[in-house]
C-alpha atoms as a PDB file:
ATOM      1  CA  MET A   1      10.515  62.122 -38.436  1.00  0.00           C
ATOM      2  CA  ALA A   2       9.302  63.212 -42.261  1.00  0.00           C
ATOM      3  CA  ASP A   3       5.979  63.957 -42.910  1.00  0.00           C
ATOM      4  CA  ASP A   4       5.267  61.285 -44.757  1.00  0.00           C
ATOM      5  CA  PHE A   5       3.563  58.162 -43.536  1.00  0.00           C
ATOM      6  CA  VAL A   6       5.942  54.913 -43.281  1.00  0.00           C
ATOM      7  CA  LYS A   7       4.823  51.136 -42.652  1.00  0.00           C
ATOM      8  CA  VAL A   8       5.930  50.140 -39.287  1.00  0.00           C
ATOM      9  CA  ALA A   9       3.845  46.917 -38.559  1.00  0.00           C
ATOM     10  CA  GLN A  10       1.174  44.697 -39.546  1.00  0.00           C
ATOM     11  CA  ILE A  11      -2.100  44.731 -37.798  1.00  0.00           C
ATOM     12  CA  GLU A  12      -1.366  41.067 -36.667  1.00  0.00           C
ATOM     13  CA  ASP A  13       1.736  42.150 -35.024  1.00  0.00           C
ATOM     14  CA  LEU A  14      -0.094  44.377 -32.663  1.00  0.00           C
ATOM     15  CA  PRO A  15      -2.885  42.382 -30.844  1.00  0.00           C
ATOM     16  CA  LEU A  16      -5.745  43.951 -28.473  1.00  0.00           C
ATOM     17  CA  GLY A  17      -3.105  45.298 -25.709  1.00  0.00           C
ATOM     18  CA  ALA A  18      -0.065  44.609 -27.187  1.00  0.00           C
ATOM     19  CA  THR A  19       2.695  47.212 -27.604  1.00  0.00           C
ATOM     20  CA  LYS A  20       5.559  47.295 -30.130  1.00  0.00           C
ATOM     21  CA  SER A  21       8.637  49.324 -29.971  1.00  0.00           C
ATOM     22  CA  VAL A  22       9.882  50.442 -33.910  1.00  0.00           C
ATOM     23  CA  GLU A  23      12.462  53.249 -34.873  1.00  0.00           C
ATOM     24  CA  VAL A  24      11.990  55.569 -37.622  1.00  0.00           C
ATOM     25  CA  ASP A  25      14.889  57.877 -38.979  1.00  0.00           C
ATOM     26  CA  GLY A  26      16.784  56.946 -35.790  1.00  0.00           C
ATOM     27  CA  GLU A  27      13.229  57.553 -33.652  1.00  0.00           C
ATOM     28  CA  LEU A  28      12.205  55.098 -31.232  1.00  0.00           C
ATOM     29  CA  VAL A  29       8.482  54.748 -31.074  1.00  0.00           C
ATOM     30  CA  ALA A  30       5.789  52.762 -29.133  1.00  0.00           C
ATOM     31  CA  LEU A  31       2.840  51.577 -30.676  1.00  0.00           C
ATOM     32  CA  ILE A  32      -0.051  50.271 -28.577  1.00  0.00           C
ATOM     33  CA  ASN A  33      -2.998  48.642 -29.506  1.00  0.00           C
ATOM     34  CA  ALA A  34      -5.616  50.202 -26.641  1.00  0.00           C
ATOM     35  CA  ASP A  35      -8.819  48.622 -26.457  1.00  0.00           C
ATOM     36  CA  GLY A  36      -8.723  48.096 -30.489  1.00  0.00           C
ATOM     37  CA  ASP A  37      -7.203  51.921 -31.300  1.00  0.00           C
ATOM     38  CA  ILE A  38      -3.735  52.106 -32.569  1.00  0.00           C
ATOM     39  CA  CYS A  39      -1.695  54.577 -31.069  1.00  0.00           C
ATOM     40  CA  ALA A  40       1.757  55.951 -31.210  1.00  0.00           C
ATOM     41  CA  ILE A  41       4.084  57.676 -28.397  1.00  0.00           C
ATOM     42  CA  GLY A  42       7.505  58.867 -27.975  1.00  0.00           C
ATOM     43  CA  GLY A  43       9.253  55.104 -27.106  1.00  0.00           C
ATOM     44  CA  GLU A  44      11.541  56.171 -24.377  1.00  0.00           C
ATOM     45  CA  CYS A  45      10.481  57.471 -20.945  1.00  0.00           C
ATOM     46  CA  THR A  46      11.318  61.006 -20.009  1.00  0.00           C
ATOM     47  CA  HIS A  47      12.177  60.060 -16.585  1.00  0.00           C
ATOM     48  CA  ALA A  48      15.357  57.377 -17.031  1.00  0.00           C
ATOM     49  CA  MET A  49      16.203  55.689 -20.034  1.00  0.00           C
ATOM     50  CA  ALA A  50      13.147  52.858 -20.313  1.00  0.00           C
ATOM     51  CA  TYR A  51      11.394  51.475 -22.986  1.00  0.00           C
ATOM     52  CA  LEU A  52       7.830  52.464 -22.841  1.00  0.00           C
ATOM     53  CA  ALA A  53       6.841  49.391 -25.124  1.00  0.00           C
ATOM     54  CA  ASP A  54       7.848  47.104 -22.477  1.00  0.00           C
ATOM     55  CA  GLY A  55       5.922  48.311 -19.768  1.00  0.00           C
ATOM     56  CA  PHE A  56       2.230  47.405 -18.759  1.00  0.00           C
ATOM     57  CA  LEU A  57      -0.813  48.863 -20.178  1.00  0.00           C
ATOM     58  CA  ASP A  58      -4.361  49.428 -18.447  1.00  0.00           C
ATOM     59  CA  GLY A  59      -6.781  51.199 -20.869  1.00  0.00           C
ATOM     60  CA  ASP A  60      -4.939  54.515 -21.781  1.00  0.00           C
ATOM     61  CA  VAL A  61      -2.267  54.432 -19.309  1.00  0.00           C
ATOM     62  CA  LEU A  62       0.890  52.702 -20.036  1.00  0.00           C
ATOM     63  CA  GLU A  63       3.375  52.209 -17.226  1.00  0.00           C
ATOM     64  CA  CYS A  64       7.241  52.550 -17.334  1.00  0.00           C
ATOM     65  CA  PRO A  65       8.599  49.023 -16.608  1.00  0.00           C
ATOM     66  CA  LEU A  66      11.651  51.041 -14.714  1.00  0.00           C
ATOM     67  CA  HIS A  67      10.354  53.383 -11.992  1.00  0.00           C
ATOM     68  CA  GLY A  68       6.441  53.178 -12.629  1.00  0.00           C
ATOM     69  CA  ALA A  69       5.730  56.678 -14.397  1.00  0.00           C
ATOM     70  CA  CYS A  70       2.489  56.591 -16.153  1.00  0.00           C
ATOM     71  CA  PHE A  71       1.716  57.931 -19.553  1.00  0.00           C
ATOM     72  CA  ASN A  72      -1.802  58.500 -21.312  1.00  0.00           C
ATOM     73  CA  VAL A  73      -1.176  56.644 -24.773  1.00  0.00           C
ATOM     74  CA  ARG A  74      -3.582  58.926 -26.594  1.00  0.00           C
ATOM     75  CA  THR A  75      -2.212  62.282 -25.387  1.00  0.00           C
ATOM     76  CA  GLY A  76       1.035  61.608 -24.401  1.00  0.00           C
ATOM     77  CA  LYS A  77       0.186  63.251 -20.768  1.00  0.00           C
ATOM     78  CA  ALA A  78       2.743  62.327 -18.312  1.00  0.00           C
ATOM     79  CA  MET A  79       0.295  61.148 -15.304  1.00  0.00           C
ATOM     80  CA  THR A  80       2.514  60.049 -12.551  1.00  0.00           C
ATOM     81  CA  PRO A  81       6.114  61.216 -11.015  1.00  0.00           C
ATOM     82  CA  PRO A  82       8.502  60.468 -11.298  1.00  0.00           C
ATOM     83  CA  ALA A  83       7.828  61.594 -15.033  1.00  0.00           C
ATOM     84  CA  PHE A  84       7.017  65.340 -15.416  1.00  0.00           C
ATOM     85  CA  GLU A  85       7.758  65.806 -18.749  1.00  0.00           C
ATOM     86  CA  ASP A  86       5.146  64.510 -22.013  1.00  0.00           C
ATOM     87  CA  VAL A  87       6.130  62.437 -24.492  1.00  0.00           C
ATOM     88  CA  PRO A  88       5.166  62.975 -27.843  1.00  0.00           C
ATOM     89  CA  THR A  89       2.691  61.311 -29.935  1.00  0.00           C
ATOM     90  CA  TYR A  90       2.467  60.490 -33.742  1.00  0.00           C
ATOM     91  CA  GLU A  91      -0.234  60.364 -36.367  1.00  0.00           C
ATOM     92  CA  VAL A  92      -1.200  56.589 -36.834  1.00  0.00           C
ATOM     93  CA  LYS A  93      -3.406  55.231 -39.975  1.00  0.00           C
ATOM     94  CA  VAL A  94      -4.143  52.003 -40.625  1.00  0.00           C
ATOM     95  CA  GLU A  95      -4.722  50.774 -44.238  1.00  0.00           C
ATOM     96  CA  GLY A  96      -5.820  47.099 -44.567  1.00  0.00           C
ATOM     97  CA  SER A  97      -3.269  45.196 -42.342  1.00  0.00           C
ATOM     98  CA  ASP A  98      -0.588  47.688 -42.507  1.00  0.00           C
ATOM     99  CA  ILE A  99       0.188  50.300 -39.638  1.00  0.00           C
ATOM    100  CA  LEU A 100       1.643  53.429 -40.880  1.00  0.00           C
ATOM    101  CA  LEU A 101       3.338  56.073 -38.691  1.00  0.00           C
ATOM    102  CA  GLY A 102       3.127  59.629 -39.609  1.00  0.00           C
ATOM    103  CA  PRO A 103       4.432  62.486 -38.351  1.00  0.00           C
ATOM    104  CA  GLU A 104       4.256  64.093 -34.868  1.00  0.00           C
ATOM    105  CA  LYS A 105       1.176  65.499 -33.477  1.00  0.00           C
END
């Protein structure tokens, strides 16, 4: 992904507690509204092919819908098996009502 920030959504597309998949430069990213903070992590579970944005959010923890692996949405850290590999995290800016996705942290 480029070092520039790219508009990927509007804030109204991501209400409190919501998740959304976006694709930028061929990379799938999960956007998450965690308690009012917009977070962005790699969009695919590192255990098996599953879209994390289809998972279940509980605070800062997103559970994969396929096998239940949990990831911290702020750090990308894999928290429970069967996933042992972290997902990447991305810079996010909110400008007005635009959500902008930046480079991997």
